[in-house]
Amino acid sequence: MKFTPSFTVLLNTVLVAVSIAGDVQAVPTGRHDAALSVRELSDTAVEHIDSPVISNITARAPDPRVVSIPLQAFQLGQRDVGYVGAFRLGAQAQIVPMLIDSGSSTFWVIPKKDQQKGFDFSGSKDLERTWEIEYGDGDKASGPVVEDSVKVGSLDAMANFPIGVGTTLSDRLTSIPARGTAGFTNGKLETTTRTGGVTLVEGLKASGLIPASIVGIQLGRGANLGTAGTGQLTVGGSNPAKFESGVRNSVTARNTAQGGLWQLTVENSKVSGRLVRTSRGALIDTGNSRILTTKGDAQLFHTFPGAFESGGIFGVPCDPTKIPPISFTVGSVEFPINPVDIIGAEIVAEGVPKGQMCYSLIQDHDDKPGKPPRTTWSLGIPFLKNVYLILDSDANKITLAKPA
């Protein structure tokens, strides 16, 4: 489907207004529908899990050092665009909701201001150095680095951990419900973060608080459109109650990325059972709200009736029953995608029937002028809702399993 030039301009304008920064190192920003009325996102729903090893998951009693905390999605256009977990920081164990981001290494927070949630760092030790970051969408954060305790779930507090404080922020970064970012890249490969310290997981392991540098991540969807999804973060291991085991349901792949990111190979991609692309490297990024492909690949997923393209932007019917089966195969395991998960915000524009057309959550990378084009895909939340994810920094491997 093609549109007139005037509609294309309007479509691009609307997309800019509602799009989510989808690069690795990009924080979802914009006006969010679920402004953490998330039952106050408590960290009290903690579970102790069996073993940090995916095989042999019933071999011994639960290890109290492998714990889980609940996650809560926040939304834009009634779609989940990021998942937040609660961490307790400082001597007063202040609860700070933080974005869970496997595409970033740094642990940084927004300072508490007036009645807004955030971290009061007045009692923290100033390390007399600064940190800064610029995300893929141009947003920036910077400020001092302090040292304080970090507590995850029922684990003992980890003392003397470097925390970046975002005292200088792009305006959009102040609008998200998350009051910071907890990075979960591979700390064995990226040994120094932007704050000058190790990653959160490596810090917990070095402190003897968790048995392994492993995290398990489950990103759930809401029961109905507009209902924010929930999920779970497990540190020190995985939660076998959340996924199906066995060779037909799970695959462990070698991490092929350099510098701490997580990347694997997607052997096959299918639409309606038809092979549309083979052998693509793909980053695994919980901080990305879309599936982003290399230039030209997104069109391969939008050849069915009702899908459209305008100015390089792809759309799909808002009705999930009109979306054909889409799947990605890693190793020998095929992971089908729930059609609901690739339907983005509704396109609201003159001449567009209400409730009929939505943005697709499969798009080409937005390559920046003057920079080389992206050579890998990025599998974000729409894909990760359909798997259980295990990131093993010790072995430098990624496990994907079908959700239980």
Protein backbone atom coordinates (compact mmCIF):
# COMPACT_ATOMS: atom_id res chain seq x y z
CA MET A 1 0.00 0.00 0.00
CA LYS A 2 1.33 3.45 -0.90
CA PHE A 3 0.16 6.89 0.19
CA THR A 4 0.16 10.37 -1.25
CA PRO A 5 3.21 12.58 -0.55
CA SER A 6 1.20 14.73 1.87
CA PHE A 7 0.13 11.69 3.86
CA THR A 8 3.70 10.39 3.89
CA VAL A 9 4.90 13.63 5.48
CA LEU A 10 2.13 13.38 8.07
CA LEU A 11 2.93 9.73 8.73
CA ASN A 12 6.60 10.48 9.28
CA THR A 13 5.72 13.34 11.63
CA VAL A 14 3.43 11.14 13.70
CA LEU A 15 6.05 8.38 13.86
CA VAL A 16 8.67 10.79 15.15
CA ALA A 17 6.21 11.91 17.81
CA VAL A 18 5.51 8.41 19.08
CA SER A 19 8.57 6.38 18.14
CA ILE A 20 10.73 4.75 20.72
CA ALA A 21 14.48 4.92 20.59
CA GLY A 22 15.32 1.39 19.54
CA ASP A 23 19.08 1.29 19.26
CA VAL A 24 21.17 -0.63 21.80
CA GLN A 25 21.95 2.13 24.28
CA ALA A 26 18.68 3.93 23.75
CA VAL A 27 16.24 4.65 26.53
CA PRO A 28 12.49 4.66 25.73
CA THR A 29 11.21 8.20 26.06
CA GLY A 30 7.99 10.07 25.44
CA ARG A 31 4.61 10.40 27.14
CA HIS A 32 3.94 7.12 28.88
CA ASP A 33 0.52 5.74 29.69
CA ALA A 34 1.48 3.67 32.72
CA ALA A 35 3.32 6.21 34.84
CA LEU A 36 4.23 3.57 37.39
CA SER A 37 0.93 3.28 39.07
CA VAL A 38 2.50 -0.14 39.16
CA ARG A 39 1.30 -1.10 42.58
CA GLU A 40 4.30 0.97 43.68
CA LEU A 41 6.63 -1.59 42.08
CA SER A 42 7.69 -3.33 45.24
CA ASP A 43 10.68 -5.64 45.37
CA THR A 44 9.03 -7.77 48.04
CA ALA A 45 7.70 -10.48 45.71
CA VAL A 46 10.98 -12.35 45.84
CA GLU A 47 11.41 -15.99 44.88
CA HIS A 48 14.36 -18.23 45.66
CA ILE A 49 15.20 -20.35 42.65
CA ASP A 50 16.78 -23.79 42.29
CA SER A 51 19.99 -23.93 40.30
CA PRO A 52 21.89 -21.40 38.19
CA VAL A 53 22.45 -24.09 35.58
CA ILE A 54 19.74 -24.72 32.96
CA SER A 55 20.48 -28.46 32.94
CA ASN A 56 20.26 -30.27 36.27
CA ILE A 57 17.65 -27.79 37.47
CA THR A 58 16.23 -30.08 40.12
CA ALA A 59 19.47 -31.54 41.45
CA ARG A 60 19.63 -29.63 44.71
CA ALA A 61 17.75 -27.50 47.15
CA PRO A 62 17.03 -23.85 46.30
CA ASP A 63 20.08 -21.62 46.51
CA PRO A 64 19.17 -18.52 48.54
CA ARG A 65 21.70 -16.55 46.51
CA VAL A 66 19.62 -16.95 43.32
CA VAL A 67 16.72 -14.54 43.64
CA SER A 68 14.06 -12.96 41.48
CA ILE A 69 12.38 -9.57 41.52
CA PRO A 70 9.20 -8.62 39.65
CA LEU A 71 9.26 -6.39 36.59
CA GLN A 72 6.57 -4.00 35.40
CA ALA A 73 6.21 -2.64 31.88
CA PHE A 74 5.50 0.98 31.15
CA GLN A 75 3.59 1.90 28.03
CA LEU A 76 3.35 4.27 25.10
CA GLY A 77 0.30 4.12 22.88
CA GLN A 78 -0.98 1.22 25.02
CA ARG A 79 2.10 -0.83 24.10
CA ASP A 80 4.85 -2.04 26.42
CA VAL A 81 8.05 -0.13 25.65
CA GLY A 82 10.27 -0.86 28.66
CA TYR A 83 10.44 -2.99 31.80
CA VAL A 84 11.28 -1.63 35.21
CA GLY A 85 12.54 -3.37 38.35
CA ALA A 86 12.92 -1.95 41.87
CA PHE A 87 16.35 -1.71 43.45
CA ARG A 88 17.16 -0.45 46.95
CA LEU A 89 19.98 2.05 47.08
CA GLY A 90 21.92 3.66 49.91
CA ALA A 91 21.87 3.37 53.68
CA GLN A 92 18.16 4.19 53.75
CA ALA A 93 17.37 1.44 51.21
CA GLN A 94 15.61 3.91 48.92
CA ILE A 95 13.43 2.14 46.32
CA VAL A 96 14.44 3.28 42.83
CA PRO A 97 12.60 1.90 39.74
CA MET A 98 15.16 1.19 37.02
CA LEU A 99 14.98 0.16 33.37
CA ILE A 100 16.31 -3.36 32.73
CA ASP A 101 18.65 -3.00 29.76
CA SER A 102 20.72 -5.86 28.32
CA GLY A 103 22.11 -3.43 25.72
CA SER A 104 23.87 -1.23 28.27
CA SER A 105 26.53 -1.80 30.91
CA THR A 106 26.18 1.18 33.21
CA PHE A 107 24.19 1.49 36.45
CA TRP A 108 22.95 5.06 36.69
CA VAL A 109 20.11 6.92 38.41
CA ILE A 110 18.14 10.12 38.19
CA PRO A 111 18.46 12.15 41.40
CA LYS A 112 15.44 12.69 43.60
CA LYS A 113 13.88 16.09 43.08
CA ASP A 114 10.91 17.56 44.93
CA GLN A 115 8.24 14.85 45.10
CA GLN A 116 9.50 12.84 42.15
CA LYS A 117 10.92 9.37 42.61
CA GLY A 118 14.66 9.13 42.31
CA PHE A 119 17.79 8.65 44.38
CA ASP A 120 18.78 11.06 47.13
CA PHE A 121 22.57 10.77 46.88
CA SER A 122 23.39 13.38 49.52
CA GLY A 123 24.63 10.65 51.86
CA SER A 124 26.67 8.81 49.21
CA LYS A 125 30.44 8.96 48.90
CA ASP A 126 31.56 11.25 46.08
CA LEU A 127 34.22 9.47 43.99
CA GLU A 128 35.29 12.82 42.52
CA ARG A 129 34.91 11.75 38.92
CA THR A 130 32.19 12.15 36.32
CA TRP A 131 30.42 9.93 33.82
CA GLU A 132 28.43 10.56 30.64
CA ILE A 133 26.52 8.72 27.97
CA GLU A 134 24.88 9.61 24.65
CA TYR A 135 22.15 7.28 23.44
CA GLY A 136 21.42 6.32 19.85
CA ASP A 137 18.56 8.84 19.62
CA GLY A 138 20.73 11.75 20.75
CA ASP A 139 19.57 11.87 24.38
CA LYS A 140 22.36 12.47 26.88
CA ALA A 141 22.97 11.98 30.58
CA SER A 142 25.93 12.92 32.72
CA GLY A 143 26.94 13.82 36.24
CA PRO A 144 29.04 12.74 39.20
CA VAL A 145 29.90 9.17 40.17
CA VAL A 146 29.12 8.23 43.75
CA GLU A 147 29.62 5.10 45.77
CA ASP A 148 26.87 3.47 47.80
CA SER A 149 25.13 0.19 48.54
CA VAL A 150 22.82 -1.64 46.11
CA LYS A 151 20.33 -4.27 47.23
CA VAL A 152 18.58 -6.67 44.85
CA GLY A 153 15.57 -8.50 46.24
CA SER A 154 16.36 -10.48 49.38
CA LEU A 155 20.12 -10.50 48.78
CA ASP A 156 22.30 -8.67 51.26
CA ALA A 157 23.22 -5.17 50.17
CA MET A 158 26.32 -4.86 48.01
CA ALA A 159 28.52 -2.15 49.51
CA ASN A 160 30.68 0.45 47.76
CA PHE A 161 29.23 0.12 44.27
CA PRO A 162 29.85 2.96 41.75
CA ILE A 163 26.61 4.65 40.69
CA GLY A 164 26.31 7.28 37.99
CA VAL A 165 24.02 10.17 38.94
CA GLY A 166 22.28 11.93 36.04
CA THR A 167 22.34 15.51 37.25
CA THR A 168 22.37 16.73 33.63
CA LEU A 169 19.74 15.10 31.43
CA SER A 170 18.09 15.62 28.08
CA ASP A 171 14.50 16.72 28.69
CA ARG A 172 13.02 13.46 27.38
CA LEU A 173 14.98 11.35 29.85
CA THR A 174 13.16 13.02 32.73
CA SER A 175 9.76 11.92 31.39
CA ILE A 176 10.14 8.15 31.69
CA PRO A 177 8.82 6.25 34.71
CA ALA A 178 12.20 4.56 35.18
CA ARG A 179 14.49 6.63 37.38
CA GLY A 180 17.64 5.15 35.95
CA THR A 181 19.06 2.19 34.06
CA ALA A 182 20.47 -1.12 35.26
CA GLY A 183 22.76 -2.48 32.55
CA PHE A 184 23.17 -6.22 31.95
CA THR A 185 25.77 -6.52 29.23
CA ASN A 186 28.51 -9.14 29.62
CA GLY A 187 30.79 -7.72 32.31
CA LYS A 188 33.45 -10.31 31.52
CA LEU A 189 33.95 -8.65 28.12
CA GLU A 190 33.21 -5.04 29.07
CA THR A 191 35.27 -4.91 32.23
CA THR A 192 34.88 -1.17 32.91
CA THR A 193 31.57 0.67 32.64
CA ARG A 194 31.10 4.39 32.10
CA THR A 195 31.18 4.95 35.84
CA GLY A 196 34.59 3.30 36.08
CA GLY A 197 33.25 0.25 37.89
CA VAL A 198 32.13 -3.24 36.94
CA THR A 199 28.64 -4.23 35.84
CA LEU A 200 25.98 -4.91 38.46
CA VAL A 201 26.12 -8.68 37.95
CA GLU A 202 29.92 -8.80 38.17
CA GLY A 203 29.76 -6.72 41.33
CA LEU A 204 27.27 -9.10 42.92
CA LYS A 205 29.38 -12.11 41.93
CA ALA A 206 32.62 -10.56 43.21
CA SER A 207 30.90 -9.77 46.51
CA GLY A 208 29.88 -13.42 46.90
CA LEU A 209 26.20 -12.49 46.85
CA ILE A 210 25.31 -14.60 43.81
CA PRO A 211 26.83 -17.94 42.73
CA ALA A 212 27.24 -17.14 39.02
CA SER A 213 27.29 -14.21 36.61
CA ILE A 214 23.96 -15.24 35.10
CA VAL A 215 20.65 -13.45 34.72
CA GLY A 216 17.28 -14.84 33.66
CA ILE A 217 14.76 -12.44 32.15
CA GLN A 218 11.06 -12.95 31.46
CA LEU A 219 9.14 -10.13 29.77
CA GLY A 220 5.40 -10.78 29.95
CA ARG A 221 2.48 -9.15 28.16
CA GLY A 222 -0.73 -7.84 29.66
CA ALA A 223 -3.91 -9.87 29.46
CA ASN A 224 -5.57 -7.18 27.32
CA LEU A 225 -4.52 -4.34 25.07
CA GLY A 226 -3.62 -1.38 27.25
CA THR A 227 -2.85 -3.56 30.27
CA ALA A 228 0.85 -3.25 31.06
CA GLY A 229 2.83 -6.45 31.05
CA THR A 230 4.72 -7.85 33.99
CA GLY A 231 7.85 -9.97 34.15
CA GLN A 232 10.69 -11.18 36.27
CA LEU A 233 14.43 -10.64 36.64
CA THR A 234 16.48 -13.43 38.21
CA VAL A 235 20.08 -12.79 39.27
CA GLY A 236 22.64 -15.52 39.88
CA GLY A 237 20.78 -18.04 37.72
CA SER A 238 17.45 -18.63 36.00
CA ASN A 239 13.95 -19.61 37.03
CA PRO A 240 13.08 -23.04 35.55
CA ALA A 241 9.41 -22.52 36.43
CA LYS A 242 9.26 -19.87 33.71
CA PHE A 243 10.41 -21.88 30.69
CA GLU A 244 10.21 -25.21 28.88
CA SER A 245 13.38 -27.31 28.83
CA GLY A 246 14.58 -29.90 26.33
CA VAL A 247 16.18 -29.67 22.90
CA ARG A 248 12.89 -28.90 21.17
CA ASN A 249 12.17 -25.96 23.44
CA SER A 250 15.49 -24.33 24.28
CA VAL A 251 18.76 -23.48 22.59
CA THR A 252 22.08 -22.20 23.91
CA ALA A 253 24.11 -20.09 21.50
CA ARG A 254 27.60 -18.66 21.65
CA ASN A 255 27.67 -14.90 22.11
CA THR A 256 29.22 -13.51 18.91
CA ALA A 257 29.32 -9.86 19.95
CA GLN A 258 32.40 -7.95 21.01
CA GLY A 259 32.69 -5.43 23.81
CA GLY A 260 30.02 -6.78 26.11
CA LEU A 261 26.86 -6.77 23.98
CA TRP A 262 24.81 -9.94 23.45
CA GLN A 263 24.49 -11.28 19.91
CA LEU A 264 23.50 -14.54 18.26
CA THR A 265 22.64 -15.78 14.78
CA VAL A 266 19.06 -16.06 13.53
CA GLU A 267 19.26 -18.97 11.11
CA ASN A 268 15.81 -18.57 9.55
CA SER A 269 13.04 -15.99 9.54
CA LYS A 270 9.59 -16.93 8.27
CA VAL A 271 6.29 -15.25 7.43
CA SER A 272 3.29 -17.55 6.92
CA GLY A 273 5.70 -20.47 6.99
CA ARG A 274 7.64 -19.02 4.05
CA LEU A 275 11.37 -18.42 4.44
CA VAL A 276 12.14 -14.73 3.96
CA ARG A 277 15.68 -14.38 5.31
CA THR A 278 18.54 -16.63 6.45
CA SER A 279 21.59 -16.13 8.66
CA ARG A 280 21.36 -12.73 10.26
CA GLY A 281 23.34 -11.65 13.31
CA ALA A 282 21.02 -10.16 15.95
CA LEU A 283 21.65 -8.27 19.16
CA ILE A 284 19.51 -9.21 22.16
CA ASP A 285 18.34 -5.99 23.77
CA THR A 286 15.70 -5.69 26.50
CA GLY A 287 15.98 -1.90 26.26
CA ASN A 288 14.79 -1.87 22.64
CA SER A 289 11.04 -1.65 22.10
CA ARG A 290 11.12 -2.93 18.50
CA ILE A 291 12.64 -5.51 16.19
CA LEU A 292 15.12 -3.58 14.06
CA THR A 293 16.58 -5.02 10.87
CA THR A 294 19.35 -4.08 8.50
CA LYS A 295 18.31 -1.77 5.69
CA GLY A 296 15.89 -3.45 3.31
CA ASP A 297 15.06 -6.47 5.47
CA ALA A 298 11.96 -5.03 7.15
CA GLN A 299 10.04 -5.07 3.88
CA LEU A 300 10.35 -8.87 3.81
CA PHE A 301 8.06 -9.06 6.85
CA HIS A 302 5.38 -6.77 5.35
CA THR A 303 4.30 -8.46 2.14
CA PHE A 304 0.93 -9.69 3.45
CA PRO A 305 -2.46 -8.03 2.77
CA GLY A 306 -3.03 -4.92 4.88
CA ALA A 307 0.65 -4.24 5.55
CA PHE A 308 1.97 -1.01 4.10
CA GLU A 309 5.07 1.10 3.67
CA SER A 310 5.41 4.84 3.36
CA GLY A 311 8.66 6.75 3.29
CA GLY A 312 10.54 3.76 4.66
CA ILE A 313 8.11 3.33 7.57
CA PHE A 314 6.11 0.12 7.85
CA GLY A 315 2.61 -0.39 9.17
CA VAL A 316 0.29 -3.30 9.82
CA PRO A 317 -3.41 -3.84 10.54
CA CYS A 318 -4.34 -3.13 14.15
CA ASP A 319 -6.31 -6.40 14.19
CA PRO A 320 -3.94 -9.21 15.25
CA THR A 321 -6.07 -11.78 13.41
CA LYS A 322 -4.89 -10.15 10.18
CA ILE A 323 -1.20 -10.66 11.00
CA PRO A 324 0.21 -13.91 9.55
CA PRO A 325 2.47 -16.23 11.59
CA ILE A 326 5.99 -14.82 12.00
CA SER A 327 8.86 -16.82 13.48
CA PHE A 328 12.60 -16.73 14.07
CA THR A 329 14.77 -19.84 14.29
CA VAL A 330 17.88 -19.94 16.47
CA GLY A 331 19.87 -23.14 16.29
CA SER A 332 17.24 -25.80 15.65
CA VAL A 333 14.46 -24.16 17.67
CA GLU A 334 11.76 -22.08 15.99
CA PHE A 335 10.28 -19.29 18.11
CA PRO A 336 6.86 -18.05 16.89
CA ILE A 337 5.92 -14.44 17.62
CA ASN A 338 2.51 -13.58 19.01
CA PRO A 339 0.94 -11.27 16.38
CA VAL A 340 -0.08 -8.83 19.12
CA ASP A 341 3.58 -8.17 19.84
CA ILE A 342 4.40 -6.64 16.46
CA ILE A 343 1.47 -4.19 16.49
CA GLY A 344 2.59 -0.73 17.57
CA ALA A 345 0.67 2.45 18.32
CA GLU A 346 -2.40 3.28 16.28
CA ILE A 347 -1.90 5.74 13.44
CA VAL A 348 -4.16 8.66 14.22
CA ALA A 349 -4.28 10.98 11.23
CA GLU A 350 -6.79 12.60 8.91
CA GLY A 351 -8.04 10.12 6.34
CA VAL A 352 -6.99 7.08 8.36
CA PRO A 353 -9.93 4.93 9.56
CA LYS A 354 -9.98 4.77 13.35
CA GLY A 355 -8.53 1.59 14.79
CA GLN A 356 -7.54 0.19 11.41
CA MET A 357 -3.86 1.04 10.88
CA CYS A 358 -0.98 0.74 13.34
CA TYR A 359 2.76 1.15 13.22
CA SER A 360 4.67 -2.08 12.84
CA LEU A 361 7.18 -2.96 15.53
CA ILE A 362 9.43 -4.46 12.86
CA GLN A 363 11.34 -1.62 11.21
CA ASP A 364 14.66 -1.03 9.48
CA HIS A 365 17.45 0.51 11.54
CA ASP A 366 17.46 4.28 11.22
CA ASP A 367 21.02 4.64 9.99
CA LYS A 368 22.55 7.98 10.90
CA PRO A 369 24.04 10.23 8.17
CA GLY A 370 27.80 9.95 7.96
CA LYS A 371 27.89 6.65 9.85
CA PRO A 372 28.21 3.17 8.35
CA PRO A 373 24.93 1.26 8.01
CA ARG A 374 24.04 -1.29 10.68
CA THR A 375 25.07 -4.83 9.82
CA THR A 376 23.08 -6.65 12.51
CA TRP A 377 19.48 -6.86 13.60
CA SER A 378 18.33 -5.98 17.10
CA LEU A 379 15.74 -8.24 18.71
CA GLY A 380 13.93 -6.19 21.31
CA ILE A 381 10.79 -6.53 23.41
CA PRO A 382 8.43 -7.85 20.65
CA PHE A 383 10.69 -10.88 20.22
CA LEU A 384 11.72 -11.26 23.87
CA LYS A 385 8.11 -11.48 25.05
CA ASN A 386 8.02 -14.81 23.26
CA VAL A 387 11.06 -16.38 24.91
CA TYR A 388 12.69 -16.83 28.28
CA LEU A 389 16.16 -15.28 28.14
CA ILE A 390 19.26 -16.43 30.02
CA LEU A 391 22.45 -14.38 29.74
CA ASP A 392 25.49 -16.25 31.03
CA SER A 393 28.52 -13.97 31.35
CA ASP A 394 30.68 -16.74 32.81
CA ALA A 395 30.29 -18.96 29.73
CA ASN A 396 29.63 -16.04 27.32
CA LYS A 397 26.48 -17.78 26.08
CA ILE A 398 22.84 -16.93 25.46
CA THR A 399 19.99 -19.34 26.12
CA LEU A 400 16.54 -18.86 24.62
CA ALA A 401 13.70 -21.08 25.79
CA LYS A 402 10.00 -21.23 25.06
CA PRO A 403 7.99 -19.73 27.93
CA ALA A 404 6.21 -22.12 30.28
